[in-house]
């Protein structure tokens, strides 16, 4: 199994505000904080906050080779200011640590969580098949489709928004009218829109909600009330021309098609796979530990 770099893992905790001291305590070494009693006679002192001191050697790694004196000064000042802020916060947190707070236990819990999380992620990276098959998607959809009732109508359509001072090719309207059935017309229309259109939607297999289309249309041009009746229109205002045609509409409170919720479905399926993988791994570790007499439970039934 590949080695996991613990220093690159990020965590979030929900301890109360004063418990930020735990993270700050663990960060002291990374921030270059040295005990006041440490002999640093040959090192330059950059800053001190109460009993914490920051020496020049702690930030040598931050100064790129070939940096000018001005660049070095900017980097040093920026780091020192950040360090001072962190140490002031740490000092205030230390003053407010409750008497019954077991910091050693919290540090150990933090360390254990960090190590466990990294190992679990390494297992997932190595063993989990992240491919979601069409069969898995279909099975998920058949079982859960009722959960995906639409809150707003969705539509498969073409939509182009283009400035009305743009000179259109003489065949533009022909491309527009026949792009659904003629591949050459579609390609020419798509290429032109890529260069000139302010916005365009030309994927007839993709479902869009009204919110997806709203930014590209005049106000009230397409609403929940008229989306089904407005099959096709060309509209102009002071700045833009709008070309719209729909191929299919699904009303709100109807069930969303699989293609519309496919991204959500894949994320859910992968989450379930991860949970199943970790659960199976824990079970195998438990059985292996028991067989090797490394797991013993001293509770009578």
C-alpha atoms as a PDB file:
ATOM      1  CA  UNK A   1       0.000   0.000   0.000  1.00  0.00           C
ATOM      2  CA  UNK A   2       1.309   3.434  -0.851  1.00  0.00           C
ATOM      3  CA  UNK A   3       2.602   5.707   1.879  1.00  0.00           C
ATOM      4  CA  UNK A   4       0.166   8.426   2.878  1.00  0.00           C
ATOM      5  CA  UNK A   5       1.473  11.928   3.607  1.00  0.00           C
ATOM      6  CA  UNK A   6      -0.184  12.849   6.896  1.00  0.00           C
ATOM      7  CA  UNK A   7       0.836  16.499   6.635  1.00  0.00           C
ATOM      8  CA  UNK A   8      -1.448  17.047   3.644  1.00  0.00           C
ATOM      9  CA  UNK A   9      -4.681  15.907   5.272  1.00  0.00           C
ATOM     10  CA  UNK A  10      -7.121  18.551   6.398  1.00  0.00           C
ATOM     11  CA  UNK A  11      -9.685  18.083   9.175  1.00  0.00           C
ATOM     12  CA  UNK A  12     -12.551  20.091  10.590  1.00  0.00           C
ATOM     13  CA  UNK A  13     -13.716  19.834  14.200  1.00  0.00           C
ATOM     14  CA  UNK A  14     -16.870  20.960  15.980  1.00  0.00           C
ATOM     15  CA  UNK A  15     -15.410  21.691  19.403  1.00  0.00           C
ATOM     16  CA  UNK A  16     -16.569  24.898  21.118  1.00  0.00           C
ATOM     17  CA  UNK A  17     -14.643  28.077  20.432  1.00  0.00           C
ATOM     18  CA  UNK A  18     -12.214  27.718  23.313  1.00  0.00           C
ATOM     19  CA  UNK A  19     -11.225  24.244  22.197  1.00  0.00           C
ATOM     20  CA  UNK A  20      -9.397  25.784  19.243  1.00  0.00           C
ATOM     21  CA  UNK A  21      -6.451  25.578  21.603  1.00  0.00           C
ATOM     22  CA  UNK A  22      -6.056  21.913  20.733  1.00  0.00           C
ATOM     23  CA  UNK A  23      -5.384  22.619  17.085  1.00  0.00           C
ATOM     24  CA  UNK A  24      -3.180  25.559  17.943  1.00  0.00           C
ATOM     25  CA  UNK A  25      -1.130  23.460  20.323  1.00  0.00           C
ATOM     26  CA  UNK A  26      -0.528  20.932  17.600  1.00  0.00           C
ATOM     27  CA  UNK A  27       0.362  23.730  15.193  1.00  0.00           C
ATOM     28  CA  UNK A  28       3.072  25.291  17.339  1.00  0.00           C
ATOM     29  CA  UNK A  29       5.864  23.168  15.967  1.00  0.00           C
ATOM     30  CA  UNK A  30       4.700  23.746  12.375  1.00  0.00           C
ATOM     31  CA  UNK A  31       4.603  27.503  13.019  1.00  0.00           C
ATOM     32  CA  UNK A  32       8.199  27.569  14.227  1.00  0.00           C
ATOM     33  CA  UNK A  33       7.430  28.252  17.868  1.00  0.00           C
ATOM     34  CA  UNK A  34      10.299  27.400  20.231  1.00  0.00           C
ATOM     35  CA  UNK A  35      10.320  27.245  24.064  1.00  0.00           C
ATOM     36  CA  UNK A  36      11.885  30.283  25.684  1.00  0.00           C
ATOM     37  CA  UNK A  37      14.486  28.150  27.435  1.00  0.00           C
ATOM     38  CA  UNK A  38      15.937  26.763  24.188  1.00  0.00           C
ATOM     39  CA  UNK A  39      19.418  27.975  23.389  1.00  0.00           C
ATOM     40  CA  UNK A  40      19.197  30.198  20.307  1.00  0.00           C
ATOM     41  CA  UNK A  41      22.186  32.438  20.852  1.00  0.00           C
ATOM     42  CA  UNK A  42      23.274  32.136  17.222  1.00  0.00           C
ATOM     43  CA  UNK A  43      19.780  32.518  15.761  1.00  0.00           C
ATOM     44  CA  UNK A  44      17.945  35.783  15.078  1.00  0.00           C
ATOM     45  CA  UNK A  45      14.862  36.382  17.170  1.00  0.00           C
ATOM     46  CA  UNK A  46      12.006  37.644  14.969  1.00  0.00           C
ATOM     47  CA  UNK A  47       9.104  37.931  17.409  1.00  0.00           C
ATOM     48  CA  UNK A  48       7.876  36.879  20.836  1.00  0.00           C
ATOM     49  CA  UNK A  49       4.391  36.469  22.248  1.00  0.00           C
ATOM     50  CA  UNK A  50       4.312  35.867  26.011  1.00  0.00           C
ATOM     51  CA  UNK A  51       6.514  32.754  26.512  1.00  0.00           C
ATOM     52  CA  UNK A  52       6.634  31.797  22.807  1.00  0.00           C
ATOM     53  CA  UNK A  53       9.482  32.867  20.520  1.00  0.00           C
ATOM     54  CA  UNK A  54       9.939  32.766  16.767  1.00  0.00           C
ATOM     55  CA  UNK A  55      13.455  32.499  15.357  1.00  0.00           C
ATOM     56  CA  UNK A  56      14.762  33.158  11.872  1.00  0.00           C
ATOM     57  CA  UNK A  57      15.769  29.528  11.326  1.00  0.00           C
ATOM     58  CA  UNK A  58      12.121  28.464  11.588  1.00  0.00           C
ATOM     59  CA  UNK A  59      11.242  30.198   8.322  1.00  0.00           C
ATOM     60  CA  UNK A  60      14.382  29.604   6.253  1.00  0.00           C
ATOM     61  CA  UNK A  61      12.495  27.049   4.191  1.00  0.00           C
ATOM     62  CA  UNK A  62      10.033  29.719   3.074  1.00  0.00           C
ATOM     63  CA  UNK A  63      12.606  31.960   1.393  1.00  0.00           C
ATOM     64  CA  UNK A  64      13.072  30.909  -2.263  1.00  0.00           C
ATOM     65  CA  UNK A  65      16.583  30.676  -3.628  1.00  0.00           C
ATOM     66  CA  UNK A  66      17.596  33.865  -5.377  1.00  0.00           C
ATOM     67  CA  UNK A  67      15.076  36.057  -3.549  1.00  0.00           C
ATOM     68  CA  UNK A  68      16.029  39.713  -3.222  1.00  0.00           C
ATOM     69  CA  UNK A  69      16.317  41.395   0.188  1.00  0.00           C
ATOM     70  CA  UNK A  70      13.009  43.169  -0.458  1.00  0.00           C
ATOM     71  CA  UNK A  71      11.239  39.921  -1.355  1.00  0.00           C
ATOM     72  CA  UNK A  72      12.725  38.193   1.695  1.00  0.00           C
ATOM     73  CA  UNK A  73      11.524  41.019   3.933  1.00  0.00           C
ATOM     74  CA  UNK A  74       7.985  40.843   2.531  1.00  0.00           C
ATOM     75  CA  UNK A  75       7.804  37.073   3.105  1.00  0.00           C
ATOM     76  CA  UNK A  76       9.264  37.369   6.610  1.00  0.00           C
ATOM     77  CA  UNK A  77       6.892  40.140   7.677  1.00  0.00           C
ATOM     78  CA  UNK A  78       3.880  38.264   6.331  1.00  0.00           C
ATOM     79  CA  UNK A  79       4.820  35.086   8.195  1.00  0.00           C
ATOM     80  CA  UNK A  80       5.650  36.911  11.435  1.00  0.00           C
ATOM     81  CA  UNK A  81       2.313  38.746  11.408  1.00  0.00           C
ATOM     82  CA  UNK A  82       0.447  35.473  10.891  1.00  0.00           C
ATOM     83  CA  UNK A  83       2.495  33.736  13.603  1.00  0.00           C
ATOM     84  CA  UNK A  84       1.845  36.532  16.112  1.00  0.00           C
ATOM     85  CA  UNK A  85      -1.886  36.303  15.460  1.00  0.00           C
ATOM     86  CA  UNK A  86      -1.843  32.533  15.960  1.00  0.00           C
ATOM     87  CA  UNK A  87       0.166  32.773  19.196  1.00  0.00           C
ATOM     88  CA  UNK A  88      -2.118  35.461  20.626  1.00  0.00           C
ATOM     89  CA  UNK A  89      -5.099  33.248  19.894  1.00  0.00           C
ATOM     90  CA  UNK A  90      -3.280  30.303  21.480  1.00  0.00           C
ATOM     91  CA  UNK A  91      -2.483  32.303  24.607  1.00  0.00           C
ATOM     92  CA  UNK A  92      -6.088  33.417  25.002  1.00  0.00           C
ATOM     93  CA  UNK A  93      -7.298  29.862  24.432  1.00  0.00           C
ATOM     94  CA  UNK A  94      -4.873  28.513  27.034  1.00  0.00           C
ATOM     95  CA  UNK A  95      -6.188  31.049  29.557  1.00  0.00           C
ATOM     96  CA  UNK A  96      -9.711  29.800  28.996  1.00  0.00           C
ATOM     97  CA  UNK A  97      -9.099  26.059  29.090  1.00  0.00           C
ATOM     98  CA  UNK A  98     -11.544  24.567  31.630  1.00  0.00           C
ATOM     99  CA  UNK A  99      -9.955  22.881  34.610  1.00  0.00           C
ATOM    100  CA  UNK A 100     -11.574  19.562  33.746  1.00  0.00           C
ATOM    101  CA  UNK A 101     -10.319  19.590  30.157  1.00  0.00           C
ATOM    102  CA  UNK A 102      -7.977  16.673  29.499  1.00  0.00           C
ATOM    103  CA  UNK A 103      -5.767  18.098  26.779  1.00  0.00           C
ATOM    104  CA  UNK A 104      -3.615  14.969  26.553  1.00  0.00           C
ATOM    105  CA  UNK A 105      -6.680  12.891  25.742  1.00  0.00           C
ATOM    106  CA  UNK A 106      -7.889  15.399  23.152  1.00  0.00           C
ATOM    107  CA  UNK A 107      -4.478  15.471  21.482  1.00  0.00           C
ATOM    108  CA  UNK A 108      -4.416  11.675  21.420  1.00  0.00           C
ATOM    109  CA  UNK A 109      -7.961  11.570  19.986  1.00  0.00           C
ATOM    110  CA  UNK A 110      -6.982  14.106  17.326  1.00  0.00           C
ATOM    111  CA  UNK A 111      -3.887  12.108  16.412  1.00  0.00           C
ATOM    112  CA  UNK A 112      -5.860   8.850  16.255  1.00  0.00           C
ATOM    113  CA  UNK A 113      -8.534  10.398  14.055  1.00  0.00           C
ATOM    114  CA  UNK A 114      -5.904  11.810  11.711  1.00  0.00           C
ATOM    115  CA  UNK A 115      -4.096   8.486  11.330  1.00  0.00           C
ATOM    116  CA  UNK A 116      -7.310   6.501  10.941  1.00  0.00           C
ATOM    117  CA  UNK A 117      -8.728   8.908   8.376  1.00  0.00           C
ATOM    118  CA  UNK A 118      -5.573   8.724   6.278  1.00  0.00           C
ATOM    119  CA  UNK A 119      -5.473   4.943   6.383  1.00  0.00           C
ATOM    120  CA  UNK A 120      -9.143   4.714   5.419  1.00  0.00           C
ATOM    121  CA  UNK A 121      -8.549   7.092   2.517  1.00  0.00           C
ATOM    122  CA  UNK A 122      -5.575   4.995   1.411  1.00  0.00           C
ATOM    123  CA  UNK A 123      -7.779   1.882   1.462  1.00  0.00           C
ATOM    124  CA  UNK A 124     -10.428   3.646  -0.607  1.00  0.00           C
ATOM    125  CA  UNK A 125      -7.873   4.898  -3.128  1.00  0.00           C
ATOM    126  CA  UNK A 126      -6.329   1.441  -3.482  1.00  0.00           C
ATOM    127  CA  UNK A 127      -9.341  -0.886  -3.310  1.00  0.00           C
ATOM    128  CA  UNK A 128     -12.483   1.005  -4.286  1.00  0.00           C
ATOM    129  CA  UNK A 129     -13.746   0.651  -7.831  1.00  0.00           C
ATOM    130  CA  UNK A 130     -15.000   4.180  -8.520  1.00  0.00           C
ATOM    131  CA  UNK A 131     -16.806   3.112 -11.691  1.00  0.00           C
ATOM    132  CA  UNK A 132     -20.598   3.245 -11.477  1.00  0.00           C
ATOM    133  CA  UNK A 133     -22.126   0.999 -14.120  1.00  0.00           C
ATOM    134  CA  UNK A 134     -25.311   1.664 -16.056  1.00  0.00           C
ATOM    135  CA  UNK A 135     -26.820  -1.364 -14.332  1.00  0.00           C
ATOM    136  CA  UNK A 136     -26.064   0.087 -10.888  1.00  0.00           C
ATOM    137  CA  UNK A 137     -27.507   3.454 -11.907  1.00  0.00           C
ATOM    138  CA  UNK A 138     -30.671   1.877 -13.258  1.00  0.00           C
ATOM    139  CA  UNK A 139     -31.150  -0.241 -10.133  1.00  0.00           C
ATOM    140  CA  UNK A 140     -30.672   2.809  -7.933  1.00  0.00           C
ATOM    141  CA  UNK A 141     -33.130   4.839  -9.992  1.00  0.00           C
ATOM    142  CA  UNK A 142     -35.819   2.152  -9.939  1.00  0.00           C
ATOM    143  CA  UNK A 143     -35.535   1.910  -6.172  1.00  0.00           C
ATOM    144  CA  UNK A 144     -35.279   5.623  -5.358  1.00  0.00           C
ATOM    145  CA  UNK A 145     -36.885   7.558  -8.217  1.00  0.00           C
ATOM    146  CA  UNK A 146     -39.825   8.711  -6.065  1.00  0.00           C
ATOM    147  CA  UNK A 147     -37.369  10.792  -4.044  1.00  0.00           C
ATOM    148  CA  UNK A 148     -36.624  12.922  -7.104  1.00  0.00           C
ATOM    149  CA  UNK A 149     -39.917  14.728  -7.615  1.00  0.00           C
ATOM    150  CA  UNK A 150     -39.247  17.948  -9.481  1.00  0.00           C
ATOM    151  CA  UNK A 151     -39.689  21.270  -7.716  1.00  0.00           C
ATOM    152  CA  UNK A 152     -39.613  23.121 -11.053  1.00  0.00           C
ATOM    153  CA  UNK A 153     -40.187  22.113 -14.680  1.00  0.00           C
ATOM    154  CA  UNK A 154     -37.207  20.951 -16.711  1.00  0.00           C
ATOM    155  CA  UNK A 155     -36.761  21.061 -20.466  1.00  0.00           C
ATOM    156  CA  UNK A 156     -34.615  19.663 -23.246  1.00  0.00           C
ATOM    157  CA  UNK A 157     -34.057  22.520 -25.637  1.00  0.00           C
ATOM    158  CA  UNK A 158     -31.843  24.649 -27.851  1.00  0.00           C
ATOM    159  CA  UNK A 159     -31.217  28.244 -26.819  1.00  0.00           C
ATOM    160  CA  UNK A 160     -28.968  30.904 -28.337  1.00  0.00           C
ATOM    161  CA  UNK A 161     -28.389  34.429 -27.037  1.00  0.00           C
ATOM    162  CA  UNK A 162     -26.423  36.625 -29.429  1.00  0.00           C
ATOM    163  CA  UNK A 163     -25.833  40.385 -29.724  1.00  0.00           C
ATOM    164  CA  UNK A 164     -28.047  41.857 -32.411  1.00  0.00           C
ATOM    165  CA  UNK A 165     -25.137  43.810 -33.883  1.00  0.00           C
ATOM    166  CA  UNK A 166     -23.377  40.540 -34.811  1.00  0.00           C
ATOM    167  CA  UNK A 167     -23.564  39.846 -38.536  1.00  0.00           C
ATOM    168  CA  UNK A 168     -25.231  36.472 -39.017  1.00  0.00           C
ATOM    169  CA  UNK A 169     -24.178  34.127 -41.839  1.00  0.00           C
ATOM    170  CA  UNK A 170     -26.753  33.949 -44.621  1.00  0.00           C
ATOM    171  CA  UNK A 171     -27.378  30.284 -43.770  1.00  0.00           C
ATOM    172  CA  UNK A 172     -27.864  30.915 -40.044  1.00  0.00           C
ATOM    173  CA  UNK A 173     -31.644  30.431 -40.036  1.00  0.00           C
ATOM    174  CA  UNK A 174     -31.278  27.264 -42.072  1.00  0.00           C
ATOM    175  CA  UNK A 175     -28.741  25.956 -39.562  1.00  0.00           C
ATOM    176  CA  UNK A 176     -31.108  26.833 -36.743  1.00  0.00           C
ATOM    177  CA  UNK A 177     -34.168  25.210 -38.301  1.00  0.00           C
ATOM    178  CA  UNK A 178     -32.425  22.005 -39.362  1.00  0.00           C
ATOM    179  CA  UNK A 179     -29.670  21.542 -36.795  1.00  0.00           C
ATOM    180  CA  UNK A 180     -31.622  18.840 -34.952  1.00  0.00           C
ATOM    181  CA  UNK A 181     -31.771  16.568 -37.978  1.00  0.00           C
ATOM    182  CA  UNK A 182     -28.736  17.634 -40.022  1.00  0.00           C
ATOM    183  CA  UNK A 183     -25.291  16.984 -38.511  1.00  0.00           C
ATOM    184  CA  UNK A 184     -23.530  19.409 -40.851  1.00  0.00           C
ATOM    185  CA  UNK A 185     -25.936  22.214 -39.999  1.00  0.00           C
ATOM    186  CA  UNK A 186     -25.540  21.446 -36.304  1.00  0.00           C
ATOM    187  CA  UNK A 187     -21.751  21.543 -36.500  1.00  0.00           C
ATOM    188  CA  UNK A 188     -21.771  24.866 -38.373  1.00  0.00           C
ATOM    189  CA  UNK A 189     -24.262  26.374 -35.918  1.00  0.00           C
ATOM    190  CA  UNK A 190     -22.273  25.151 -32.929  1.00  0.00           C
ATOM    191  CA  UNK A 191     -18.993  26.489 -34.323  1.00  0.00           C
ATOM    192  CA  UNK A 192     -20.530  29.881 -35.024  1.00  0.00           C
ATOM    193  CA  UNK A 193     -22.064  30.117 -31.535  1.00  0.00           C
ATOM    194  CA  UNK A 194     -18.762  29.159 -29.915  1.00  0.00           C
ATOM    195  CA  UNK A 195     -17.224  32.261 -31.507  1.00  0.00           C
ATOM    196  CA  UNK A 196     -20.047  34.784 -31.431  1.00  0.00           C
ATOM    197  CA  UNK A 197     -22.858  33.857 -29.020  1.00  0.00           C
ATOM    198  CA  UNK A 198     -23.168  35.430 -25.581  1.00  0.00           C
ATOM    199  CA  UNK A 199     -24.649  32.128 -24.361  1.00  0.00           C
ATOM    200  CA  UNK A 200     -25.882  28.983 -26.031  1.00  0.00           C
ATOM    201  CA  UNK A 201     -27.334  25.573 -25.150  1.00  0.00           C
ATOM    202  CA  UNK A 202     -27.128  23.099 -28.008  1.00  0.00           C
ATOM    203  CA  UNK A 203     -27.162  19.677 -26.343  1.00  0.00           C
ATOM    204  CA  UNK A 204     -30.558  18.147 -26.970  1.00  0.00           C
ATOM    205  CA  UNK A 205     -29.973  15.253 -24.563  1.00  0.00           C
ATOM    206  CA  UNK A 206     -29.378  17.536 -21.561  1.00  0.00           C
ATOM    207  CA  UNK A 207     -32.187  18.612 -19.232  1.00  0.00           C
ATOM    208  CA  UNK A 208     -32.220  22.216 -18.009  1.00  0.00           C
ATOM    209  CA  UNK A 209     -34.290  23.825 -15.275  1.00  0.00           C
ATOM    210  CA  UNK A 210     -35.822  27.252 -15.765  1.00  0.00           C
ATOM    211  CA  UNK A 211     -33.145  28.623 -13.447  1.00  0.00           C
ATOM    212  CA  UNK A 212     -30.452  27.252 -15.772  1.00  0.00           C
ATOM    213  CA  UNK A 213     -31.907  29.199 -18.678  1.00  0.00           C
ATOM    214  CA  UNK A 214     -33.092  32.342 -16.897  1.00  0.00           C
ATOM    215  CA  UNK A 215     -29.809  34.266 -17.065  1.00  0.00           C
ATOM    216  CA  UNK A 216     -29.777  33.940 -20.872  1.00  0.00           C
ATOM    217  CA  UNK A 217     -33.367  35.093 -21.507  1.00  0.00           C
ATOM    218  CA  UNK A 218     -35.350  38.292 -20.958  1.00  0.00           C
ATOM    219  CA  UNK A 219     -37.437  38.422 -17.806  1.00  0.00           C
ATOM    220  CA  UNK A 220     -40.623  36.318 -18.042  1.00  0.00           C
ATOM    221  CA  UNK A 221     -39.728  35.018 -21.493  1.00  0.00           C
ATOM    222  CA  UNK A 222     -39.897  31.521 -20.037  1.00  0.00           C
ATOM    223  CA  UNK A 223     -41.839  30.753 -16.857  1.00  0.00           C
ATOM    224  CA  UNK A 224     -43.344  27.769 -15.095  1.00  0.00           C
ATOM    225  CA  UNK A 225     -46.705  28.755 -16.573  1.00  0.00           C
ATOM    226  CA  UNK A 226     -45.655  29.094 -20.205  1.00  0.00           C
ATOM    227  CA  UNK A 227     -42.755  26.682 -20.585  1.00  0.00           C
ATOM    228  CA  UNK A 228     -44.935  23.928 -22.030  1.00  0.00           C
ATOM    229  CA  UNK A 229     -46.826  26.157 -24.459  1.00  0.00           C
ATOM    230  CA  UNK A 230     -43.752  28.013 -25.747  1.00  0.00           C
ATOM    231  CA  UNK A 231     -42.439  25.469 -28.194  1.00  0.00           C
ATOM    232  CA  UNK A 232     -40.309  27.846 -30.215  1.00  0.00           C
ATOM    233  CA  UNK A 233     -39.652  31.563 -30.524  1.00  0.00           C
ATOM    234  CA  UNK A 234     -37.244  34.172 -31.844  1.00  0.00           C
ATOM    235  CA  UNK A 235     -37.203  37.340 -29.759  1.00  0.00           C
ATOM    236  CA  UNK A 236     -35.275  40.616 -29.847  1.00  0.00           C
ATOM    237  CA  UNK A 237     -34.591  43.385 -27.361  1.00  0.00           C
ATOM    238  CA  UNK A 238     -32.295  46.424 -27.440  1.00  0.00           C
ATOM    239  CA  UNK A 239     -29.109  44.359 -27.235  1.00  0.00           C
ATOM    240  CA  UNK A 240     -29.761  40.715 -28.056  1.00  0.00           C
ATOM    241  CA  UNK A 241     -31.524  38.242 -30.270  1.00  0.00           C
ATOM    242  CA  UNK A 242     -32.854  35.070 -28.611  1.00  0.00           C
ATOM    243  CA  UNK A 243     -33.500  31.784 -30.390  1.00  0.00           C
ATOM    244  CA  UNK A 244     -35.341  29.093 -28.451  1.00  0.00           C
ATOM    245  CA  UNK A 245     -36.972  25.754 -29.217  1.00  0.00           C
ATOM    246  CA  UNK A 246     -37.885  22.954 -26.846  1.00  0.00           C
ATOM    247  CA  UNK A 247     -38.036  19.243 -27.541  1.00  0.00           C
ATOM    248  CA  UNK A 248     -39.512  17.940 -24.300  1.00  0.00           C
ATOM    249  CA  UNK A 249     -40.814  19.336 -21.017  1.00  0.00           C
ATOM    250  CA  UNK A 250     -41.342  17.574 -17.693  1.00  0.00           C
ATOM    251  CA  UNK A 251     -43.563  19.486 -15.292  1.00  0.00           C
ATOM    252  CA  UNK A 252     -42.892  20.107 -11.625  1.00  0.00           C
ATOM    253  CA  UNK A 253     -44.037  17.370  -9.212  1.00  0.00           C
ATOM    254  CA  UNK A 254     -43.286  14.789 -11.873  1.00  0.00           C
ATOM    255  CA  UNK A 255     -40.347  12.400 -11.452  1.00  0.00           C
ATOM    256  CA  UNK A 256     -37.007  13.578 -12.822  1.00  0.00           C
ATOM    257  CA  UNK A 257     -35.456  11.340 -15.485  1.00  0.00           C
ATOM    258  CA  UNK A 258     -32.348   9.373 -14.602  1.00  0.00           C
ATOM    259  CA  UNK A 259     -30.144  11.513 -16.837  1.00  0.00           C
ATOM    260  CA  UNK A 260     -31.119  14.618 -14.833  1.00  0.00           C
ATOM    261  CA  UNK A 261     -30.141  13.162 -11.447  1.00  0.00           C
ATOM    262  CA  UNK A 262     -27.296  10.966 -12.681  1.00  0.00           C
ATOM    263  CA  UNK A 263     -24.585  13.012 -10.948  1.00  0.00           C
ATOM    264  CA  UNK A 264     -26.350  12.828  -7.574  1.00  0.00           C
ATOM    265  CA  UNK A 265     -27.018   9.129  -8.036  1.00  0.00           C
ATOM    266  CA  UNK A 266     -23.361   8.362  -8.782  1.00  0.00           C
ATOM    267  CA  UNK A 267     -22.192  10.279  -5.711  1.00  0.00           C
ATOM    268  CA  UNK A 268     -24.646   8.397  -3.498  1.00  0.00           C
ATOM    269  CA  UNK A 269     -23.693   5.004  -4.944  1.00  0.00           C
ATOM    270  CA  UNK A 270     -19.982   5.728  -4.453  1.00  0.00           C
ATOM    271  CA  UNK A 271     -20.642   6.824  -0.865  1.00  0.00           C
ATOM    272  CA  UNK A 272     -22.435   3.532  -0.210  1.00  0.00           C
ATOM    273  CA  UNK A 273     -19.545   1.601  -1.798  1.00  0.00           C
ATOM    274  CA  UNK A 274     -17.052   3.398   0.439  1.00  0.00           C
ATOM    275  CA  UNK A 275     -19.061   2.624   3.549  1.00  0.00           C
ATOM    276  CA  UNK A 276     -19.428  -1.029   2.544  1.00  0.00           C
ATOM    277  CA  UNK A 277     -15.690  -1.321   1.819  1.00  0.00           C
ATOM    278  CA  UNK A 278     -14.705   0.149   5.181  1.00  0.00           C
ATOM    279  CA  UNK A 279     -17.239  -1.974   7.048  1.00  0.00           C
ATOM    280  CA  UNK A 280     -16.004  -5.145   5.351  1.00  0.00           C
ATOM    281  CA  UNK A 281     -12.392  -4.180   6.095  1.00  0.00           C
ATOM    282  CA  UNK A 282     -13.188  -3.616   9.780  1.00  0.00           C
ATOM    283  CA  UNK A 283     -14.917  -6.992   9.939  1.00  0.00           C
ATOM    284  CA  UNK A 284     -11.950  -8.764   8.339  1.00  0.00           C
ATOM    285  CA  UNK A 285      -9.512  -7.005  10.687  1.00  0.00           C
ATOM    286  CA  UNK A 286     -11.613  -8.007  13.679  1.00  0.00           C
ATOM    287  CA  UNK A 287     -11.750 -11.668  12.666  1.00  0.00           C
ATOM    288  CA  UNK A 288      -8.022 -11.681  11.892  1.00  0.00           C
ATOM    289  CA  UNK A 289      -7.218 -10.077  15.242  1.00  0.00           C
ATOM    290  CA  UNK A 290      -9.314 -12.617  17.121  1.00  0.00           C
ATOM    291  CA  UNK A 291      -7.657 -15.552  15.365  1.00  0.00           C
ATOM    292  CA  UNK A 292      -4.217 -14.135  16.239  1.00  0.00           C
ATOM    293  CA  UNK A 293      -5.348 -13.584  19.823  1.00  0.00           C
ATOM    294  CA  UNK A 294      -4.747  -9.832  19.415  1.00  0.00           C
ATOM    295  CA  UNK A 295      -8.380  -8.987  20.163  1.00  0.00           C
ATOM    296  CA  UNK A 296      -9.751 -10.002  23.542  1.00  0.00           C
ATOM    297  CA  UNK A 297     -13.014  -8.777  25.053  1.00  0.00           C
ATOM    298  CA  UNK A 298     -13.421  -9.161  28.805  1.00  0.00           C
ATOM    299  CA  UNK A 299     -17.181  -8.756  29.133  1.00  0.00           C
ATOM    300  CA  UNK A 300     -19.362 -11.614  30.253  1.00  0.00           C
ATOM    301  CA  UNK A 301     -22.598 -12.184  28.358  1.00  0.00           C
END
